[in-house]
Amino acid sequence: MFSLKHRNRDKINRYLAQQRNIQPESTYQRNTQPESTQQRNTQQRNTQPESTQQRNTQQRNTQQRNTQQGNILQGNTLAFIHIGKTGGTTINRLLTLNMKEYKEYHCNNVFDNNEKYIIWLRNPISRFCSAFNHSYYGIHCDINKINKFDLNHSLIPNTMNVSKNRSYVFSLHYDSLMKSFTSANHLAESLTSDDTEVRSKAIELMGCSSEHLNKGIGWYLHNGDFIRSNHNKIIFVGRLETMKEDIKKLSAKLNVTLNENIYLRENVYVDKSMKYLSPLAVNNIINWYKDTDYAALQQLYEYGWIKKDTLESYYTYDKIL
């Protein structure tokens, strides 16, 4: 009765629907409904593999990272030699956050076997100055005037918290020797003082085994013997002077993300003038550490762990006013 040409198809459908008392369904609806279903199915197919792909990518990255670290460590334990006043607290924090198995050597120079080492360095002259100010600040500051936040973020929070309940900060003898000198420059110059008593106190303080003045690069690295015996177990040597750059290099070496902008502790309470060292003081410090820190640095240079210009720069100090 009706033509079956395409232009009349909708009219036929409506007629048939009326005859059967059912709701008419347009050609457009029939055509679009499967398309909508098809779109949903397509979206599901596209979305699900992406999620799986992301998980697979993460797994591959983890496997690659573990493989790379395994190739570096070769079954050994990762160990960080934390030399005082070299920025080691920052490196320790980064490694603690990112490494499953990790060991720190701080104020301890007796090492175990089967370890691979990370070492962080600093100009010995600058490190000496920082070590003195570290102790000086702890002994001379008024802890009652420091709020809890500043105390917890100070260079020696644990020591200062404990010192509230005793008459000394480090030890009675060490504190007494420290109080004999008003600055790092005063201590360094006193090493060659004509006053026998002053010179004797300076030498004794520099030789105290309890704090960072004595425990320098040479103390940790056994005056270079450690490097000669373990140079093939070192996987990275970084420097405070190039902290951010070296953290990036270490990140690549370990195949982990280490944030080079992480908080770096600094003794903000020390006046800049406390960093001054005279030419005499600098020369005395170089002579004092000649057979210890500089002997260890020489070995690091000879085994290719630091460059010649780095070694040479460590015989200079830029805070001479």
C-alpha atoms as a PDB file:
ATOM      1  CA  MET A   1       0.000   0.000   0.000  1.00  0.00           C
ATOM      2  CA  PHE A   2       2.923   2.280   0.710  1.00  0.00           C
ATOM      3  CA  SER A   3       6.093   2.744  -1.244  1.00  0.00           C
ATOM      4  CA  LEU A   4       9.178   1.330   0.474  1.00  0.00           C
ATOM      5  CA  LYS A   5      11.487   4.089  -0.659  1.00  0.00           C
ATOM      6  CA  HIS A   6      13.819   5.483   1.939  1.00  0.00           C
ATOM      7  CA  ARG A   7      11.981   8.819   2.208  1.00  0.00           C
ATOM      8  CA  ASN A   8       8.778   7.082   3.317  1.00  0.00           C
ATOM      9  CA  ARG A   9      10.322   4.666   5.784  1.00  0.00           C
ATOM     10  CA  ASP A  10       9.545   6.768   8.848  1.00  0.00           C
ATOM     11  CA  LYS A  11       5.933   7.195   7.725  1.00  0.00           C
ATOM     12  CA  ILE A  12       5.533   3.432   7.366  1.00  0.00           C
ATOM     13  CA  ASN A  13       6.977   2.869  10.808  1.00  0.00           C
ATOM     14  CA  ARG A  14       4.559   5.290  12.384  1.00  0.00           C
ATOM     15  CA  TYR A  15       1.636   3.654  10.592  1.00  0.00           C
ATOM     16  CA  LEU A  16       2.649   0.174  11.713  1.00  0.00           C
ATOM     17  CA  ALA A  17       3.162   1.389  15.232  1.00  0.00           C
ATOM     18  CA  GLN A  18      -0.332   2.843  15.321  1.00  0.00           C
ATOM     19  CA  GLN A  19      -1.731  -0.458  14.101  1.00  0.00           C
ATOM     20  CA  ARG A  20       0.013  -2.316  16.923  1.00  0.00           C
ATOM     21  CA  ASN A  21      -0.588   0.418  19.566  1.00  0.00           C
ATOM     22  CA  ILE A  22       3.122   0.734  20.310  1.00  0.00           C
ATOM     23  CA  GLN A  23       5.365   3.758  20.646  1.00  0.00           C
ATOM     24  CA  PRO A  24       6.989   4.563  17.283  1.00  0.00           C
ATOM     25  CA  GLU A  25      10.716   4.324  16.988  1.00  0.00           C
ATOM     26  CA  SER A  26      12.345   6.569  14.455  1.00  0.00           C
ATOM     27  CA  THR A  27      15.072   5.520  12.107  1.00  0.00           C
ATOM     28  CA  TYR A  28      17.276   8.079  13.832  1.00  0.00           C
ATOM     29  CA  GLN A  29      16.708   6.462  17.214  1.00  0.00           C
ATOM     30  CA  ARG A  30      17.441   2.999  15.861  1.00  0.00           C
ATOM     31  CA  ASN A  31      20.583   4.220  14.222  1.00  0.00           C
ATOM     32  CA  THR A  32      21.877   6.259  17.163  1.00  0.00           C
ATOM     33  CA  GLN A  33      21.173   3.814  19.965  1.00  0.00           C
ATOM     34  CA  PRO A  34      23.659   1.213  18.740  1.00  0.00           C
ATOM     35  CA  GLU A  35      26.123   4.026  18.099  1.00  0.00           C
ATOM     36  CA  SER A  36      25.791   5.168  21.708  1.00  0.00           C
ATOM     37  CA  THR A  37      26.303   1.609  22.942  1.00  0.00           C
ATOM     38  CA  GLN A  38      29.192   1.235  20.568  1.00  0.00           C
ATOM     39  CA  GLN A  39      30.716   4.454  21.897  1.00  0.00           C
ATOM     40  CA  ARG A  40      30.415   3.205  25.462  1.00  0.00           C
ATOM     41  CA  ASN A  41      31.982  -0.094  24.557  1.00  0.00           C
ATOM     42  CA  THR A  42      34.743   1.704  22.698  1.00  0.00           C
ATOM     43  CA  GLN A  43      35.373   3.967  25.683  1.00  0.00           C
ATOM     44  CA  GLN A  44      35.487   0.983  28.007  1.00  0.00           C
ATOM     45  CA  ARG A  45      37.891  -0.832  25.711  1.00  0.00           C
ATOM     46  CA  ASN A  46      40.061   2.284  25.441  1.00  0.00           C
ATOM     47  CA  THR A  47      39.999   3.101  29.150  1.00  0.00           C
ATOM     48  CA  GLN A  48      40.641  -0.344  30.534  1.00  0.00           C
ATOM     49  CA  PRO A  49      43.819  -1.039  28.543  1.00  0.00           C
ATOM     50  CA  GLU A  50      45.144   2.434  29.498  1.00  0.00           C
ATOM     51  CA  SER A  51      44.771   1.640  33.197  1.00  0.00           C
ATOM     52  CA  THR A  52      46.401  -1.740  32.710  1.00  0.00           C
ATOM     53  CA  GLN A  53      49.090  -0.154  30.604  1.00  0.00           C
ATOM     54  CA  GLN A  54      49.835   2.370  33.359  1.00  0.00           C
ATOM     55  CA  ARG A  55      50.170  -0.412  35.907  1.00  0.00           C
ATOM     56  CA  ASN A  56      52.397  -2.373  33.577  1.00  0.00           C
ATOM     57  CA  THR A  57      54.534   0.713  32.961  1.00  0.00           C
ATOM     58  CA  GLN A  58      54.911   1.296  36.700  1.00  0.00           C
ATOM     59  CA  GLN A  59      55.873  -2.326  37.199  1.00  0.00           C
ATOM     60  CA  ARG A  60      58.425  -2.167  34.392  1.00  0.00           C
ATOM     61  CA  ASN A  61      59.887   1.047  35.830  1.00  0.00           C
ATOM     62  CA  THR A  62      60.133  -0.530  39.284  1.00  0.00           C
ATOM     63  CA  GLN A  63      61.783  -3.629  37.826  1.00  0.00           C
ATOM     64  CA  GLN A  64      64.220  -1.509  35.823  1.00  0.00           C
ATOM     65  CA  ARG A  65      65.027   0.591  38.894  1.00  0.00           C
ATOM     66  CA  ASN A  66      65.581  -2.495  41.032  1.00  0.00           C
ATOM     67  CA  THR A  67      67.673  -4.064  38.285  1.00  0.00           C
ATOM     68  CA  GLN A  68      69.806  -0.931  37.919  1.00  0.00           C
ATOM     69  CA  GLN A  69      70.306  -0.630  41.674  1.00  0.00           C
ATOM     70  CA  GLY A  70      71.037  -4.350  41.834  1.00  0.00           C
ATOM     71  CA  ASN A  71      73.664  -3.997  39.121  1.00  0.00           C
ATOM     72  CA  ILE A  72      75.297  -1.163  41.060  1.00  0.00           C
ATOM     73  CA  LEU A  73      75.149  -2.797  44.487  1.00  0.00           C
ATOM     74  CA  GLN A  74      75.827  -6.368  43.276  1.00  0.00           C
ATOM     75  CA  GLY A  75      74.395  -7.857  46.445  1.00  0.00           C
ATOM     76  CA  ASN A  76      76.073  -5.323  48.723  1.00  0.00           C
ATOM     77  CA  THR A  77      74.401  -2.935  51.170  1.00  0.00           C
ATOM     78  CA  LEU A  78      74.185   0.748  50.220  1.00  0.00           C
ATOM     79  CA  ALA A  79      76.049   2.817  52.823  1.00  0.00           C
ATOM     80  CA  PHE A  80      76.413   6.581  53.205  1.00  0.00           C
ATOM     81  CA  ILE A  81      79.527   7.916  54.913  1.00  0.00           C
ATOM     82  CA  HIS A  82      78.100  11.000  56.609  1.00  0.00           C
ATOM     83  CA  ILE A  83      81.051  13.289  57.318  1.00  0.00           C
ATOM     84  CA  GLY A  84      79.943  16.032  59.706  1.00  0.00           C
ATOM     85  CA  LYS A  85      79.243  19.508  58.322  1.00  0.00           C
ATOM     86  CA  THR A  86      79.154  18.468  54.660  1.00  0.00           C
ATOM     87  CA  GLY A  87      75.382  18.631  54.100  1.00  0.00           C
ATOM     88  CA  GLY A  88      75.049  14.987  55.082  1.00  0.00           C
ATOM     89  CA  THR A  89      71.779  15.419  56.979  1.00  0.00           C
ATOM     90  CA  THR A  90      70.071  16.387  53.721  1.00  0.00           C
ATOM     91  CA  ILE A  91      71.544  13.415  51.846  1.00  0.00           C
ATOM     92  CA  ASN A  92      70.623  11.061  54.679  1.00  0.00           C
ATOM     93  CA  ARG A  93      67.025  12.311  54.595  1.00  0.00           C
ATOM     94  CA  LEU A  94      66.785  11.803  50.836  1.00  0.00           C
ATOM     95  CA  LEU A  95      68.201   8.291  50.966  1.00  0.00           C
ATOM     96  CA  THR A  96      66.010   7.324  53.910  1.00  0.00           C
ATOM     97  CA  LEU A  97      62.911   8.398  52.002  1.00  0.00           C
ATOM     98  CA  ASN A  98      63.816   6.657  48.749  1.00  0.00           C
ATOM     99  CA  MET A  99      65.882   3.555  49.487  1.00  0.00           C
ATOM    100  CA  LYS A 100      64.457   0.359  50.974  1.00  0.00           C
ATOM    101  CA  GLU A 101      67.795  -0.851  52.307  1.00  0.00           C
ATOM    102  CA  TYR A 102      70.298   1.739  53.373  1.00  0.00           C
ATOM    103  CA  LYS A 103      72.904   2.321  56.078  1.00  0.00           C
ATOM    104  CA  GLU A 104      74.419   5.524  57.466  1.00  0.00           C
ATOM    105  CA  TYR A 105      77.841   5.932  59.052  1.00  0.00           C
ATOM    106  CA  HIS A 106      77.910   9.067  61.195  1.00  0.00           C
ATOM    107  CA  CYS A 107      80.429   9.592  64.005  1.00  0.00           C
ATOM    108  CA  ASN A 108      81.480   6.034  63.237  1.00  0.00           C
ATOM    109  CA  ASN A 109      84.407   5.009  61.031  1.00  0.00           C
ATOM    110  CA  VAL A 110      84.336   1.251  61.534  1.00  0.00           C
ATOM    111  CA  PHE A 111      82.842  -0.161  58.347  1.00  0.00           C
ATOM    112  CA  ASP A 112      81.352  -3.563  57.555  1.00  0.00           C
ATOM    113  CA  ASN A 113      82.138  -5.744  54.578  1.00  0.00           C
ATOM    114  CA  ASN A 114      79.874  -6.149  51.553  1.00  0.00           C
ATOM    115  CA  GLU A 115      78.973  -2.479  51.252  1.00  0.00           C
ATOM    116  CA  LYS A 116      78.901   0.093  48.449  1.00  0.00           C
ATOM    117  CA  TYR A 117      79.603   3.652  49.514  1.00  0.00           C
ATOM    118  CA  ILE A 118      78.324   7.153  48.914  1.00  0.00           C
ATOM    119  CA  ILE A 119      80.576   9.917  50.273  1.00  0.00           C
ATOM    120  CA  TRP A 120      79.860  13.644  50.606  1.00  0.00           C
ATOM    121  CA  LEU A 121      82.686  16.184  50.869  1.00  0.00           C
ATOM    122  CA  ARG A 122      83.300  19.825  51.680  1.00  0.00           C
ATOM    123  CA  ASN A 123      86.238  22.208  51.585  1.00  0.00           C
ATOM    124  CA  PRO A 124      88.149  21.275  54.791  1.00  0.00           C
ATOM    125  CA  ILE A 125      88.700  24.927  55.678  1.00  0.00           C
ATOM    126  CA  SER A 126      85.028  25.768  55.329  1.00  0.00           C
ATOM    127  CA  ARG A 127      84.090  22.543  57.134  1.00  0.00           C
ATOM    128  CA  PHE A 128      86.356  23.503  60.056  1.00  0.00           C
ATOM    129  CA  CYS A 129      84.688  26.899  60.312  1.00  0.00           C
ATOM    130  CA  SER A 130      81.231  25.310  60.261  1.00  0.00           C
ATOM    131  CA  ALA A 131      82.264  22.709  62.850  1.00  0.00           C
ATOM    132  CA  PHE A 132      83.484  25.406  65.242  1.00  0.00           C
ATOM    133  CA  ASN A 133      80.335  27.499  64.822  1.00  0.00           C
ATOM    134  CA  HIS A 134      78.208  24.382  65.293  1.00  0.00           C
ATOM    135  CA  SER A 135      79.705  23.852  68.757  1.00  0.00           C
ATOM    136  CA  TYR A 136      79.928  27.553  69.585  1.00  0.00           C
ATOM    137  CA  TYR A 137      76.247  28.080  68.811  1.00  0.00           C
ATOM    138  CA  GLY A 138      75.232  25.107  70.946  1.00  0.00           C
ATOM    139  CA  ILE A 139      77.256  26.268  73.947  1.00  0.00           C
ATOM    140  CA  HIS A 140      76.554  30.013  73.853  1.00  0.00           C
ATOM    141  CA  CYS A 141      72.934  30.295  72.779  1.00  0.00           C
ATOM    142  CA  ASP A 142      70.227  30.813  75.386  1.00  0.00           C
ATOM    143  CA  ILE A 143      67.972  27.828  74.893  1.00  0.00           C
ATOM    144  CA  ASN A 144      65.161  29.493  76.860  1.00  0.00           C
ATOM    145  CA  LYS A 145      64.909  32.190  74.185  1.00  0.00           C
ATOM    146  CA  ILE A 146      64.463  29.710  71.335  1.00  0.00           C
ATOM    147  CA  ASN A 147      60.934  28.651  70.467  1.00  0.00           C
ATOM    148  CA  LYS A 148      60.133  24.974  69.984  1.00  0.00           C
ATOM    149  CA  PHE A 149      60.048  25.203  66.165  1.00  0.00           C
ATOM    150  CA  ASP A 150      63.478  26.821  65.918  1.00  0.00           C
ATOM    151  CA  LEU A 151      64.905  24.385  68.446  1.00  0.00           C
ATOM    152  CA  ASN A 152      63.662  21.355  66.519  1.00  0.00           C
ATOM    153  CA  HIS A 153      65.135  22.795  63.308  1.00  0.00           C
ATOM    154  CA  SER A 154      68.437  23.806  64.844  1.00  0.00           C
ATOM    155  CA  LEU A 155      71.717  22.090  63.999  1.00  0.00           C
ATOM    156  CA  ILE A 156      71.797  20.077  67.217  1.00  0.00           C
ATOM    157  CA  PRO A 157      68.169  19.712  68.433  1.00  0.00           C
ATOM    158  CA  ASN A 158      68.691  16.523  70.432  1.00  0.00           C
ATOM    159  CA  THR A 159      71.841  17.757  72.158  1.00  0.00           C
ATOM    160  CA  MET A 160      70.263  21.085  73.070  1.00  0.00           C
ATOM    161  CA  ASN A 161      67.075  19.478  74.355  1.00  0.00           C
ATOM    162  CA  VAL A 162      69.100  17.223  76.649  1.00  0.00           C
ATOM    163  CA  SER A 163      71.334  20.092  77.753  1.00  0.00           C
ATOM    164  CA  LYS A 164      68.364  21.834  79.398  1.00  0.00           C
ATOM    165  CA  ASN A 165      68.636  19.356  82.264  1.00  0.00           C
ATOM    166  CA  ARG A 166      72.406  19.465  82.777  1.00  0.00           C
ATOM    167  CA  SER A 167      75.207  21.964  83.266  1.00  0.00           C
ATOM    168  CA  TYR A 168      76.915  21.364  79.929  1.00  0.00           C
ATOM    169  CA  VAL A 169      76.048  20.883  76.238  1.00  0.00           C
ATOM    170  CA  PHE A 170      78.635  18.430  74.868  1.00  0.00           C
ATOM    171  CA  SER A 171      80.861  17.615  77.860  1.00  0.00           C
ATOM    172  CA  LEU A 172      82.288  19.672  80.703  1.00  0.00           C
ATOM    173  CA  HIS A 173      85.814  19.435  79.290  1.00  0.00           C
ATOM    174  CA  TYR A 174      84.875  20.127  75.664  1.00  0.00           C
ATOM    175  CA  ASP A 175      82.610  23.038  76.589  1.00  0.00           C
ATOM    176  CA  SER A 176      85.381  24.518  78.735  1.00  0.00           C
ATOM    177  CA  LEU A 177      87.899  24.353  75.890  1.00  0.00           C
ATOM    178  CA  MET A 178      85.396  25.860  73.422  1.00  0.00           C
ATOM    179  CA  LYS A 179      84.770  28.800  75.753  1.00  0.00           C
ATOM    180  CA  SER A 180      88.478  29.667  75.519  1.00  0.00           C
ATOM    181  CA  PHE A 181      87.989  30.852  71.922  1.00  0.00           C
ATOM    182  CA  THR A 182      85.707  33.542  70.584  1.00  0.00           C
ATOM    183  CA  SER A 183      85.632  32.480  66.924  1.00  0.00           C
ATOM    184  CA  ALA A 184      86.895  29.953  64.409  1.00  0.00           C
ATOM    185  CA  ASN A 185      89.531  32.479  63.392  1.00  0.00           C
ATOM    186  CA  HIS A 186      90.683  32.842  67.009  1.00  0.00           C
ATOM    187  CA  LEU A 187      91.019  29.060  67.362  1.00  0.00           C
ATOM    188  CA  ALA A 188      92.841  28.618  64.048  1.00  0.00           C
ATOM    189  CA  GLU A 189      95.332  31.417  64.716  1.00  0.00           C
ATOM    190  CA  SER A 190      95.928  30.077  68.237  1.00  0.00           C
ATOM    191  CA  LEU A 191      97.371  26.856  66.793  1.00  0.00           C
ATOM    192  CA  THR A 192     100.640  28.772  66.276  1.00  0.00           C
ATOM    193  CA  SER A 193     100.273  31.239  69.170  1.00  0.00           C
ATOM    194  CA  ASP A 194     103.381  32.354  71.054  1.00  0.00           C
ATOM    195  CA  ASP A 195     101.363  31.891  74.237  1.00  0.00           C
ATOM    196  CA  THR A 196     102.057  28.302  75.247  1.00  0.00           C
ATOM    197  CA  GLU A 197      98.847  27.928  77.246  1.00  0.00           C
ATOM    198  CA  VAL A 198      96.648  29.286  74.454  1.00  0.00           C
ATOM    199  CA  ARG A 199      98.399  27.114  71.846  1.00  0.00           C
ATOM    200  CA  SER A 200      98.071  24.053  74.070  1.00  0.00           C
ATOM    201  CA  LYS A 201      94.309  24.583  74.506  1.00  0.00           C
ATOM    202  CA  ALA A 202      93.854  25.084  70.772  1.00  0.00           C
ATOM    203  CA  ILE A 203      95.693  21.872  69.938  1.00  0.00           C
ATOM    204  CA  GLU A 204      93.771  19.970  72.600  1.00  0.00           C
ATOM    205  CA  LEU A 205      90.413  21.244  71.325  1.00  0.00           C
ATOM    206  CA  MET A 206      91.261  20.367  67.717  1.00  0.00           C
ATOM    207  CA  GLY A 207      92.156  16.860  68.869  1.00  0.00           C
ATOM    208  CA  CYS A 208      88.993  16.243  70.897  1.00  0.00           C
ATOM    209  CA  SER A 209      87.405  13.065  69.598  1.00  0.00           C
ATOM    210  CA  SER A 210      83.865  13.953  70.643  1.00  0.00           C
ATOM    211  CA  GLU A 211      82.905  16.498  67.989  1.00  0.00           C
ATOM    212  CA  HIS A 212      83.294  17.509  64.328  1.00  0.00           C
ATOM    213  CA  LEU A 213      86.491  19.544  64.641  1.00  0.00           C
ATOM    214  CA  ASN A 214      88.426  16.310  64.929  1.00  0.00           C
ATOM    215  CA  LYS A 215      86.071  14.032  63.004  1.00  0.00           C
ATOM    216  CA  GLY A 216      86.759  15.378  59.547  1.00  0.00           C
ATOM    217  CA  ILE A 217      87.255  13.839  56.116  1.00  0.00           C
ATOM    218  CA  GLY A 218      90.481  12.160  57.183  1.00  0.00           C
ATOM    219  CA  TRP A 219      88.922  10.677  60.339  1.00  0.00           C
ATOM    220  CA  TYR A 220      86.151   8.960  58.375  1.00  0.00           C
ATOM    221  CA  LEU A 221      88.352   7.863  55.469  1.00  0.00           C
ATOM    222  CA  HIS A 222      91.284   6.730  57.640  1.00  0.00           C
ATOM    223  CA  ASN A 223      93.566   9.424  56.226  1.00  0.00           C
ATOM    224  CA  GLY A 224      93.181   7.955  52.747  1.00  0.00           C
ATOM    225  CA  ASP A 225      93.742   4.281  53.612  1.00  0.00           C
ATOM    226  CA  PHE A 226      90.011   3.613  53.244  1.00  0.00           C
ATOM    227  CA  ILE A 227      90.112   4.946  49.668  1.00  0.00           C
ATOM    228  CA  ARG A 228      93.113   2.833  48.729  1.00  0.00           C
ATOM    229  CA  SER A 229      91.405  -0.303  50.065  1.00  0.00           C
ATOM    230  CA  ASN A 230      87.822   0.423  48.947  1.00  0.00           C
ATOM    231  CA  HIS A 231      88.024   2.699  45.909  1.00  0.00           C
ATOM    232  CA  ASN A 232      86.254   0.037  43.825  1.00  0.00           C
ATOM    233  CA  LYS A 233      83.376  -0.064  46.345  1.00  0.00           C
ATOM    234  CA  ILE A 234      82.579   3.644  46.015  1.00  0.00           C
ATOM    235  CA  ILE A 235      79.608   4.361  43.761  1.00  0.00           C
ATOM    236  CA  PHE A 236      79.359   8.142  44.176  1.00  0.00           C
ATOM    237  CA  VAL A 237      81.212  11.116  45.665  1.00  0.00           C
ATOM    238  CA  GLY A 238      79.273  14.370  46.034  1.00  0.00           C
ATOM    239  CA  ARG A 239      80.169  17.813  47.354  1.00  0.00           C
ATOM    240  CA  LEU A 240      78.388  20.441  49.400  1.00  0.00           C
ATOM    241  CA  GLU A 241      79.598  23.112  46.979  1.00  0.00           C
ATOM    242  CA  THR A 242      77.662  21.461  44.120  1.00  0.00           C
ATOM    243  CA  MET A 243      74.846  20.009  46.224  1.00  0.00           C
ATOM    244  CA  LYS A 244      71.877  20.346  43.839  1.00  0.00           C
ATOM    245  CA  GLU A 245      73.820  19.229  40.775  1.00  0.00           C
ATOM    246  CA  ASP A 246      75.252  16.219  42.606  1.00  0.00           C
ATOM    247  CA  ILE A 247      71.863  15.193  44.004  1.00  0.00           C
ATOM    248  CA  LYS A 248      70.591  15.049  40.418  1.00  0.00           C
ATOM    249  CA  LYS A 249      73.575  12.926  39.417  1.00  0.00           C
ATOM    250  CA  LEU A 250      73.003  10.613  42.367  1.00  0.00           C
ATOM    251  CA  SER A 251      69.317  10.336  41.406  1.00  0.00           C
ATOM    252  CA  ALA A 252      70.327   9.148  37.949  1.00  0.00           C
ATOM    253  CA  LYS A 253      72.924   6.777  39.393  1.00  0.00           C
ATOM    254  CA  LEU A 254      70.419   5.095  41.717  1.00  0.00           C
ATOM    255  CA  ASN A 255      67.491   5.525  39.310  1.00  0.00           C
ATOM    256  CA  VAL A 256      65.333   7.164  41.983  1.00  0.00           C
ATOM    257  CA  THR A 257      63.810  10.616  42.273  1.00  0.00           C
ATOM    258  CA  LEU A 258      65.712  12.644  44.861  1.00  0.00           C
ATOM    259  CA  ASN A 259      64.400  16.174  45.405  1.00  0.00           C
ATOM    260  CA  GLU A 260      67.388  18.483  45.078  1.00  0.00           C
ATOM    261  CA  ASN A 261      65.323  21.334  46.589  1.00  0.00           C
ATOM    262  CA  ILE A 262      64.783  19.552  49.901  1.00  0.00           C
ATOM    263  CA  TYR A 263      65.389  21.619  53.039  1.00  0.00           C
ATOM    264  CA  LEU A 264      69.091  22.201  53.662  1.00  0.00           C
ATOM    265  CA  ARG A 265      69.914  22.938  57.293  1.00  0.00           C
ATOM    266  CA  GLU A 266      71.845  26.101  57.926  1.00  0.00           C
ATOM    267  CA  ASN A 267      73.009  27.724  61.136  1.00  0.00           C
ATOM    268  CA  VAL A 268      71.110  30.990  60.732  1.00  0.00           C
ATOM    269  CA  TYR A 269      72.064  32.138  64.232  1.00  0.00           C
ATOM    270  CA  VAL A 270      75.753  32.508  63.416  1.00  0.00           C
ATOM    271  CA  ASP A 271      76.789  36.013  62.398  1.00  0.00           C
ATOM    272  CA  LYS A 272      78.534  36.193  59.031  1.00  0.00           C
ATOM    273  CA  SER A 273      81.600  37.645  60.712  1.00  0.00           C
ATOM    274  CA  MET A 274      82.013  34.290  62.478  1.00  0.00           C
ATOM    275  CA  LYS A 275      82.931  32.803  59.095  1.00  0.00           C
ATOM    276  CA  TYR A 276      85.951  35.064  58.708  1.00  0.00           C
ATOM    277  CA  LEU A 277      89.389  33.457  58.616  1.00  0.00           C
ATOM    278  CA  SER A 278      92.630  35.398  58.264  1.00  0.00           C
ATOM    279  CA  PRO A 279      95.408  34.207  55.930  1.00  0.00           C
ATOM    280  CA  LEU A 280      97.270  32.948  59.012  1.00  0.00           C
ATOM    281  CA  ALA A 281      94.211  31.005  60.163  1.00  0.00           C
ATOM    282  CA  VAL A 282      93.734  29.439  56.713  1.00  0.00           C
ATOM    283  CA  ASN A 283      97.381  28.412  56.550  1.00  0.00           C
ATOM    284  CA  ASN A 284      97.202  26.879  60.045  1.00  0.00           C
ATOM    285  CA  ILE A 285      94.087  24.869  59.135  1.00  0.00           C
ATOM    286  CA  ILE A 286      95.707  23.520  55.975  1.00  0.00           C
ATOM    287  CA  ASN A 287      98.756  22.462  57.972  1.00  0.00           C
ATOM    288  CA  TRP A 288      96.607  20.908  60.702  1.00  0.00           C
ATOM    289  CA  TYR A 289      94.633  18.742  58.243  1.00  0.00           C
ATOM    290  CA  LYS A 290      97.598  18.088  55.930  1.00  0.00           C
ATOM    291  CA  ASP A 291      98.057  14.447  56.920  1.00  0.00           C
ATOM    292  CA  THR A 292      94.371  13.715  57.493  1.00  0.00           C
ATOM    293  CA  ASP A 293      91.718  15.467  55.384  1.00  0.00           C
ATOM    294  CA  TYR A 294      94.063  16.477  52.577  1.00  0.00           C
ATOM    295  CA  ALA A 295      95.705  13.053  52.505  1.00  0.00           C
ATOM    296  CA  ALA A 296      92.266  11.465  52.012  1.00  0.00           C
ATOM    297  CA  LEU A 297      91.355  14.021  49.335  1.00  0.00           C
ATOM    298  CA  GLN A 298      94.596  13.276  47.518  1.00  0.00           C
ATOM    299  CA  GLN A 299      93.623   9.605  47.344  1.00  0.00           C
ATOM    300  CA  LEU A 300      90.142  10.482  46.060  1.00  0.00           C
ATOM    301  CA  TYR A 301      91.819  12.526  43.340  1.00  0.00           C
ATOM    302  CA  GLU A 302      94.316   9.791  42.423  1.00  0.00           C
ATOM    303  CA  TYR A 303      91.526   7.244  42.050  1.00  0.00           C
ATOM    304  CA  GLY A 304      89.468   9.623  39.931  1.00  0.00           C
ATOM    305  CA  TRP A 305      86.692  10.441  42.376  1.00  0.00           C
ATOM    306  CA  ILE A 306      87.346  14.195  42.449  1.00  0.00           C
ATOM    307  CA  LYS A 307      88.870  16.472  39.828  1.00  0.00           C
ATOM    308  CA  LYS A 308      92.138  18.338  40.095  1.00  0.00           C
ATOM    309  CA  ASP A 309      90.438  21.736  40.178  1.00  0.00           C
ATOM    310  CA  THR A 310      88.270  20.537  43.094  1.00  0.00           C
ATOM    311  CA  LEU A 311      91.331  19.421  45.034  1.00  0.00           C
ATOM    312  CA  GLU A 312      93.095  22.711  44.332  1.00  0.00           C
ATOM    313  CA  SER A 313      90.045  24.759  45.336  1.00  0.00           C
ATOM    314  CA  TYR A 314      90.043  23.013  48.712  1.00  0.00           C
ATOM    315  CA  TYR A 315      93.298  24.748  49.561  1.00  0.00           C
ATOM    316  CA  THR A 316      91.583  28.145  49.316  1.00  0.00           C
ATOM    317  CA  TYR A 317      88.914  29.908  51.337  1.00  0.00           C
ATOM    318  CA  ASP A 318      86.652  32.681  50.052  1.00  0.00           C
ATOM    319  CA  LYS A 319      85.603  34.161  53.405  1.00  0.00           C
ATOM    320  CA  ILE A 320      88.850  36.069  53.889  1.00  0.00           C
ATOM    321  CA  LEU A 321      87.707  39.670  54.460  1.00  0.00           C
END
